[in-house]
Protein backbone atom coordinates (compact mmCIF):
# COMPACT_ATOMS: atom_id res chain seq x y z
CA MET A 1 17.51 -13.81 -76.15
CA SER A 2 16.03 -13.45 -72.97
CA ALA A 3 17.86 -14.81 -69.91
CA TRP A 4 14.46 -17.40 -69.86
CA LYS A 5 14.36 -18.05 -73.08
CA ARG A 6 18.59 -19.06 -72.53
CA PHE A 7 17.56 -21.01 -69.74
CA LEU A 8 14.55 -22.74 -72.09
CA VAL A 9 16.94 -23.50 -74.78
CA LEU A 10 19.77 -24.85 -72.87
CA ALA A 11 17.92 -27.19 -70.72
CA ALA A 12 16.08 -28.35 -73.44
CA LEU A 13 19.12 -29.03 -74.93
CA SER A 14 20.17 -30.49 -71.93
CA HIS A 15 17.76 -32.67 -71.91
CA ALA A 16 18.06 -34.07 -75.52
CA ALA A 17 21.59 -34.48 -74.36
CA LEU A 18 20.59 -37.25 -71.71
CA SER A 19 18.02 -38.69 -73.09
CA PRO A 20 19.38 -41.63 -75.38
CA ALA A 21 16.36 -41.49 -77.34
CA HIS A 22 16.79 -38.39 -78.96
CA ALA A 23 20.61 -39.25 -79.56
CA ALA A 24 19.48 -41.73 -81.80
CA ASN A 25 16.93 -39.61 -83.87
CA GLY A 26 13.42 -41.15 -82.52
CA TYR A 27 14.98 -45.08 -82.02
CA PRO A 28 13.51 -46.65 -81.36
CA ASP A 29 10.05 -46.49 -82.91
CA LYS A 30 8.82 -49.88 -83.20
CA PRO A 31 9.54 -53.56 -81.89
CA ILE A 32 13.26 -54.92 -81.42
CA THR A 33 14.06 -58.58 -82.16
CA LEU A 34 16.49 -60.55 -79.65
CA VAL A 35 17.72 -63.08 -81.91
CA VAL A 36 18.77 -66.26 -80.04
CA GLY A 37 20.52 -69.11 -81.81
CA TYR A 38 19.51 -71.91 -79.84
CA ALA A 39 16.29 -73.36 -78.94
CA PRO A 40 14.01 -72.40 -76.04
CA GLY A 41 14.96 -73.41 -72.44
CA GLY A 42 18.69 -72.80 -72.44
CA GLY A 43 20.81 -70.19 -71.45
CA ALA A 44 21.36 -67.77 -74.10
CA ASP A 45 17.41 -67.73 -74.60
CA ILE A 46 16.43 -67.64 -70.51
CA THR A 47 19.29 -64.63 -70.04
CA ALA A 48 17.52 -63.12 -73.61
CA ARG A 49 14.15 -63.54 -72.44
CA LEU A 50 15.02 -61.63 -68.92
CA LEU A 51 16.91 -58.87 -70.25
CA GLY A 52 14.11 -58.41 -73.19
CA GLN A 53 11.87 -57.71 -70.06
CA ARG A 54 13.96 -54.77 -69.09
CA LEU A 55 14.75 -53.21 -72.28
CA SER A 56 11.16 -53.43 -73.20
CA GLU A 57 10.56 -51.14 -69.95
CA GLN A 58 13.58 -48.97 -70.50
CA LEU A 59 13.27 -48.14 -74.22
CA GLY A 60 9.05 -48.02 -74.28
CA VAL A 61 8.84 -50.66 -76.81
CA SER A 62 8.32 -54.13 -77.32
CA VAL A 63 11.28 -56.35 -76.98
CA VAL A 64 10.86 -60.12 -78.50
CA VAL A 65 12.92 -63.00 -78.48
CA GLU A 66 13.18 -64.90 -81.95
CA ASN A 67 14.67 -68.31 -81.98
CA ARG A 68 16.72 -69.50 -84.51
CA PRO A 69 18.62 -72.44 -83.76
CA GLY A 70 21.34 -74.61 -85.46
CA ALA A 71 24.82 -75.14 -86.37
CA GLY A 72 25.96 -73.91 -83.12
CA GLN A 73 24.29 -70.65 -83.09
CA ASN A 74 25.87 -69.90 -86.71
CA ILE A 75 21.70 -69.66 -88.18
CA GLY A 76 21.17 -67.10 -85.86
CA ALA A 77 24.44 -65.42 -86.25
CA THR A 78 23.85 -65.32 -90.44
CA HIS A 79 20.77 -63.82 -89.89
CA VAL A 80 21.53 -60.85 -87.81
CA ALA A 81 24.80 -60.21 -89.89
CA ARG A 82 22.48 -59.90 -93.16
CA SER A 83 20.12 -57.88 -91.28
CA ALA A 84 19.41 -54.12 -91.66
CA PRO A 85 21.80 -51.97 -89.02
CA ASP A 86 18.94 -50.01 -87.79
CA GLY A 87 18.71 -51.62 -84.15
CA TYR A 88 15.74 -53.49 -84.39
CA THR A 89 17.57 -57.24 -84.97
CA ILE A 90 20.00 -57.46 -82.31
CA LEU A 91 21.95 -60.82 -81.71
CA VAL A 92 21.98 -62.83 -78.19
CA SER A 93 25.65 -64.08 -78.87
CA SER A 94 26.75 -67.06 -76.58
CA SER A 95 30.68 -67.58 -76.43
CA ALA A 96 30.10 -69.56 -79.87
CA MET A 97 31.09 -66.44 -81.61
CA GLY A 98 34.55 -66.55 -79.94
CA ILE A 99 34.52 -70.79 -80.35
CA ASN A 100 33.18 -70.70 -83.91
CA PRO A 101 35.69 -69.52 -85.94
CA SER A 102 38.30 -72.12 -85.10
CA LEU A 103 35.70 -74.75 -85.60
CA PHE A 104 33.82 -74.58 -88.67
CA PRO A 105 36.24 -74.20 -91.84
CA LYS A 106 33.58 -71.78 -93.55
CA LEU A 107 31.34 -69.41 -91.89
CA GLU A 108 28.95 -66.91 -93.61
CA TYR A 109 29.57 -63.93 -91.61
CA ASP A 110 32.92 -62.52 -89.58
CA PRO A 111 32.71 -62.88 -86.20
CA VAL A 112 34.30 -59.54 -85.99
CA LYS A 113 33.51 -57.54 -89.71
CA SER A 114 30.14 -58.27 -89.36
CA PHE A 115 28.78 -57.38 -86.32
CA ALA A 116 28.61 -53.99 -84.17
CA PRO A 117 29.89 -54.96 -80.59
CA ILE A 118 26.92 -53.66 -77.88
CA ALA A 119 27.70 -55.15 -74.43
CA VAL A 120 28.76 -58.07 -73.16
CA PHE A 121 26.16 -58.53 -69.90
CA GLY A 122 27.14 -62.19 -68.07
CA GLN A 123 28.37 -65.46 -67.60
CA SER A 124 27.92 -68.22 -66.57
CA PRO A 125 29.93 -71.41 -65.58
CA ASN A 126 29.26 -75.17 -66.70
CA LEU A 127 27.64 -77.95 -64.33
CA LEU A 128 29.22 -81.66 -65.35
CA VAL A 129 25.92 -83.49 -65.22
CA ALA A 130 25.60 -87.12 -65.53
CA SER A 131 22.79 -89.23 -65.99
CA SER A 132 21.19 -91.63 -63.19
CA THR A 133 21.73 -94.58 -65.69
CA VAL A 134 24.68 -94.36 -65.28
CA GLY A 135 25.04 -94.71 -61.62
CA VAL A 136 27.92 -92.77 -60.66
CA ASP A 137 28.00 -90.17 -57.82
CA SER A 138 31.37 -88.04 -58.74
CA VAL A 139 33.69 -87.29 -61.36
CA GLN A 140 36.01 -89.96 -60.72
CA GLU A 141 33.44 -92.58 -60.77
CA LEU A 142 32.64 -91.17 -64.15
CA ILE A 143 35.85 -91.46 -65.13
CA ALA A 144 36.66 -94.60 -63.79
CA TYR A 145 33.09 -95.61 -65.97
CA GLY A 146 34.66 -94.33 -68.55
CA LYS A 147 38.06 -96.31 -68.71
CA LYS A 148 36.31 -99.47 -67.30
CA PHE A 149 33.90 -99.39 -70.00
CA PRO A 150 35.32 -97.65 -73.37
CA GLY A 151 33.18 -96.85 -76.40
CA LYS A 152 29.85 -96.71 -73.73
CA LEU A 153 29.78 -92.94 -73.37
CA ASN A 154 28.06 -90.28 -75.14
CA PHE A 155 27.83 -86.73 -73.92
CA SER A 156 25.45 -84.24 -75.46
CA SER A 157 25.37 -80.20 -75.78
CA SER A 158 23.75 -77.79 -76.88
CA GLY A 159 25.47 -77.80 -80.61
CA HIS A 160 28.81 -77.67 -82.39
CA GLY A 161 30.62 -74.80 -80.88
CA SER A 162 29.18 -74.26 -78.02
CA THR A 163 31.43 -74.12 -74.53
CA GLN A 164 29.45 -77.38 -73.38
CA HIS A 165 30.97 -79.26 -76.27
CA LEU A 166 34.23 -78.07 -75.85
CA SER A 167 33.93 -78.84 -72.53
CA GLY A 168 33.53 -82.07 -73.27
CA GLU A 169 36.35 -82.40 -75.60
CA LEU A 170 38.50 -80.85 -72.84
CA PHE A 171 37.26 -83.24 -70.44
CA LYS A 172 38.15 -86.18 -72.75
CA GLN A 173 41.67 -85.08 -73.39
CA ILE A 174 42.27 -83.87 -69.21
CA THR A 175 41.29 -87.12 -68.46
CA GLY A 176 41.98 -89.66 -71.53
CA ILE A 177 38.43 -91.07 -71.91
CA GLU A 178 36.60 -91.95 -75.13
CA ALA A 179 33.40 -90.19 -75.26
CA VAL A 180 31.48 -89.64 -78.13
CA HIS A 181 29.58 -86.09 -78.82
CA VAL A 182 26.14 -85.69 -79.70
CA PRO A 183 24.92 -82.20 -80.48
CA TYR A 184 21.38 -81.14 -79.78
CA LYS A 185 19.71 -77.77 -81.28
CA GLY A 186 20.04 -76.34 -77.69
CA SER A 187 20.57 -76.41 -73.78
CA GLY A 188 17.04 -77.82 -73.10
CA PRO A 189 17.12 -80.49 -75.75
CA SER A 190 20.36 -81.64 -74.81
CA VAL A 191 19.23 -81.81 -71.08
CA ASN A 192 16.21 -83.58 -71.67
CA GLY A 193 18.78 -86.32 -73.86
CA VAL A 194 20.54 -86.65 -70.43
CA LEU A 195 17.19 -87.07 -68.08
CA ALA A 196 16.09 -89.29 -70.66
CA GLY A 197 19.27 -91.67 -70.47
CA GLU A 198 19.53 -91.10 -74.52
CA VAL A 199 23.07 -89.98 -73.31
CA GLN A 200 25.23 -90.46 -70.18
CA PHE A 201 26.58 -86.74 -69.14
CA THR A 202 26.50 -83.29 -70.31
CA PHE A 203 28.23 -80.34 -69.71
CA VAL A 204 25.25 -77.15 -69.03
CA ASN A 205 25.14 -73.85 -68.13
CA ILE A 206 22.64 -73.42 -64.77
CA PRO A 207 19.77 -70.98 -66.96
CA SER A 208 19.24 -74.24 -68.68
CA ILE A 209 19.31 -77.12 -66.03
CA ALA A 210 17.70 -74.80 -62.86
CA THR A 211 14.03 -76.03 -62.90
CA VAL A 212 15.32 -80.02 -62.84
CA LEU A 213 18.26 -79.62 -60.69
CA GLY A 214 16.16 -81.87 -57.93
CA SER A 215 15.35 -84.68 -60.49
CA ASP A 216 16.49 -88.31 -59.44
CA LYS A 217 17.48 -88.76 -62.95
CA ILE A 218 20.68 -86.83 -63.29
CA LYS A 219 23.41 -86.26 -60.85
CA VAL A 220 25.84 -82.96 -60.73
CA LEU A 221 29.02 -83.94 -60.42
CA ALA A 222 30.77 -80.58 -60.46
CA VAL A 223 30.81 -76.89 -61.86
CA THR A 224 33.36 -75.51 -64.12
CA SER A 225 34.34 -72.14 -62.15
CA ALA A 226 37.00 -71.06 -60.20
CA GLN A 227 35.56 -71.35 -56.87
CA ARG A 228 31.99 -73.01 -55.59
CA LEU A 229 28.89 -71.18 -56.37
CA GLN A 230 26.72 -69.77 -53.66
CA ALA A 231 23.61 -71.28 -55.72
CA LEU A 232 25.28 -74.96 -55.30
CA PRO A 233 27.61 -74.46 -52.22
CA ASP A 234 27.79 -78.31 -51.72
CA VAL A 235 28.82 -78.66 -55.76
CA PRO A 236 32.58 -79.22 -55.62
CA THR A 237 34.61 -77.57 -58.62
CA MET A 238 36.47 -79.29 -61.23
CA SER A 239 39.77 -78.41 -59.73
CA GLU A 240 38.38 -80.25 -55.87
CA ALA A 241 37.17 -83.01 -58.35
CA GLY A 242 40.51 -84.08 -59.30
CA VAL A 243 40.17 -82.41 -62.82
CA ASP A 244 42.23 -79.59 -63.07
CA ASN A 245 42.60 -76.81 -66.08
CA MET A 246 38.52 -77.17 -66.50
CA VAL A 247 37.65 -73.74 -65.11
CA VAL A 248 35.06 -72.62 -68.44
CA SER A 249 32.48 -70.43 -68.37
CA ALA A 250 29.57 -69.47 -71.07
CA TRP A 251 28.84 -66.01 -72.14
CA TYR A 252 26.28 -63.47 -73.36
CA GLY A 253 26.65 -60.65 -75.28
CA LEU A 254 24.49 -58.20 -77.51
CA MET A 255 25.62 -57.54 -81.11
CA ALA A 256 23.81 -55.63 -84.01
CA PRO A 257 24.66 -55.76 -87.48
CA ALA A 258 28.28 -53.91 -88.72
CA GLY A 259 27.34 -50.40 -90.02
CA THR A 260 24.25 -49.99 -86.95
CA PRO A 261 24.86 -46.09 -86.30
CA GLU A 262 27.00 -45.01 -83.42
CA PRO A 263 23.97 -43.20 -81.44
CA ILE A 264 21.95 -46.33 -81.25
CA VAL A 265 24.74 -49.26 -79.96
CA ALA A 266 25.48 -46.37 -77.27
CA LEU A 267 21.47 -45.80 -76.10
CA LEU A 268 21.35 -50.26 -76.31
CA ASN A 269 24.98 -50.15 -74.48
CA LYS A 270 23.18 -47.52 -71.90
CA ALA A 271 20.23 -49.71 -71.54
CA THR A 272 21.40 -53.40 -70.97
CA ASN A 273 24.55 -51.70 -68.20
CA ASP A 274 21.32 -49.50 -66.71
CA ALA A 275 19.30 -52.88 -66.77
CA ILE A 276 22.41 -54.99 -64.79
CA ASN A 277 22.89 -52.10 -62.42
CA ASP A 278 19.05 -53.01 -61.08
CA GLU A 279 19.44 -54.82 -57.87
CA LYS A 280 16.26 -56.46 -58.44
CA PHE A 281 17.02 -57.59 -62.23
CA LYS A 282 20.69 -58.42 -60.91
CA ALA A 283 19.52 -61.01 -58.69
CA GLN A 284 17.63 -62.75 -61.27
CA LEU A 285 20.42 -63.08 -63.43
CA ILE A 286 22.43 -64.39 -59.99
CA GLN A 287 19.45 -66.57 -59.10
CA ALA A 288 19.62 -67.89 -62.90
CA GLY A 289 23.32 -69.14 -62.42
CA VAL A 290 24.60 -66.14 -64.16
CA GLU A 291 27.46 -63.42 -63.04
CA PRO A 292 26.32 -60.07 -64.26
CA MET A 293 29.03 -58.13 -65.85
CA THR A 294 28.80 -54.10 -67.19
CA SER A 295 31.20 -52.96 -70.11
CA THR A 296 31.68 -50.88 -73.25
CA PRO A 297 31.66 -51.80 -76.85
CA ALA A 298 35.52 -51.51 -77.13
CA PHE A 299 35.70 -53.55 -74.03
CA PHE A 300 33.29 -55.94 -76.09
CA ALA A 301 35.33 -55.90 -78.99
CA ASP A 302 38.79 -56.30 -76.87
CA PHE A 303 36.85 -59.71 -75.14
CA LEU A 304 35.49 -60.90 -78.16
CA GLN A 305 39.04 -61.09 -79.65
CA LYS A 306 40.67 -62.71 -76.92
CA GLU A 307 37.73 -64.99 -76.58
CA ILE A 308 38.75 -66.00 -80.63
CA ASP A 309 42.39 -66.37 -79.82
CA ARG A 310 41.77 -68.42 -77.06
CA TRP A 311 39.62 -70.93 -78.32
CA LYS A 312 41.79 -71.42 -81.39
CA SER A 313 44.53 -72.82 -79.25
CA VAL A 314 42.20 -74.81 -77.51
CA ILE A 315 40.30 -76.62 -80.59
CA HIS A 316 43.75 -76.82 -82.48
CA THR A 317 45.00 -78.68 -78.96
CA ALA A 318 41.32 -81.02 -78.83
CA GLY A 319 41.53 -81.45 -82.85
CA ALA A 320 37.79 -80.29 -82.76
CA LYS A 321 36.52 -79.73 -86.19
CA VAL A 322 33.08 -79.52 -87.67
CA ASP A 323 32.86 -80.48 -91.24
C-alpha cells in the first residue's frame, strides 16, 4: 500500500472514530421521539422542546416531543420502558424517577433496571407561589393563615411523585400546617389551578410559571434553592423566609430503554453535552430557570441511585403514599 493510500485509509478511519453516527451503525436515520410524562407547558415539557430542537440540528433528523401525562410520570416512563431499545424512543425523565419507587407501592418498570441512563442535563428549583385570593405577601403570612384556618388550604402539583408534590409535603411537615394535596396532570394545569383560585398555593419550577410571573393573580413567596436566583433577585430563599431544610430542585435527564446499544447511548450523550456546552442554548436554559449540567451515563446512574435513596428517607418521614 502506497503512503498516499495509507494516509487516505487512516483519514477515513479517523473520521469514522470522530463521528458518533458511524459508531452507531447509521443511527439515527428516522425521527426520534422524546417522551414527556407530563402535560404541555410544564418544566419537563419546556426543556424537552428546547433540547429537542438542538438535538435535531446535531443529529440531522426530526426530534419530536410526545406528551404522555399521568401518574406522576409513570405512564410515560412505562411506555418508554416497553419500547424497542433502538434509540428512537427516549424518556425525558424528571425527579419523579427518584421519587416514585418509594411513593408508589407498585410500578410497571424498575427505575434502574428498565432504563439506560443517557445524561442528566439540568436542574431547576421550585417557587412557592400563592393565589392572590389568599391575600398573603410572605411565607410567614401563608403559615399563619394555615394555622388560623385549618382545613382551608389546598396545594396543587404536577402530579403524584413530583418535586412539587413532595415540596408541599415537606412544607407541611416542617411548618405544622394542614393542606390537602390536589394533583394535576402537569405543571401547566397545576399553575392554572392557582391562577383560577381552585387551590391556594403550589410549589412549581420556574419554566412552568415564567409566562405568568407578572400576573396579579399570584404572589411569588420564596424559592427552594440555597441561594437567591439571578433571574429573580427579589425573591427570598425558603431559609431567608424562615423555613429551613427546604432546598429542593427538579432535575431533567434523558433515559433510553434498557438494552439500547452503548454506541447509541454514547452518541445521544455526546449530542446532549454538546448542546449544553453551546453558549446560546445554555443561556436559553438559564433564562428558563434551569441550571445546565453536563454528565456521563455513569454519573447519571450514580446520581439516580442517590436520588432514590434520598427521597426514600424523605417520603418515609413525610408519610406520603399513593394508592
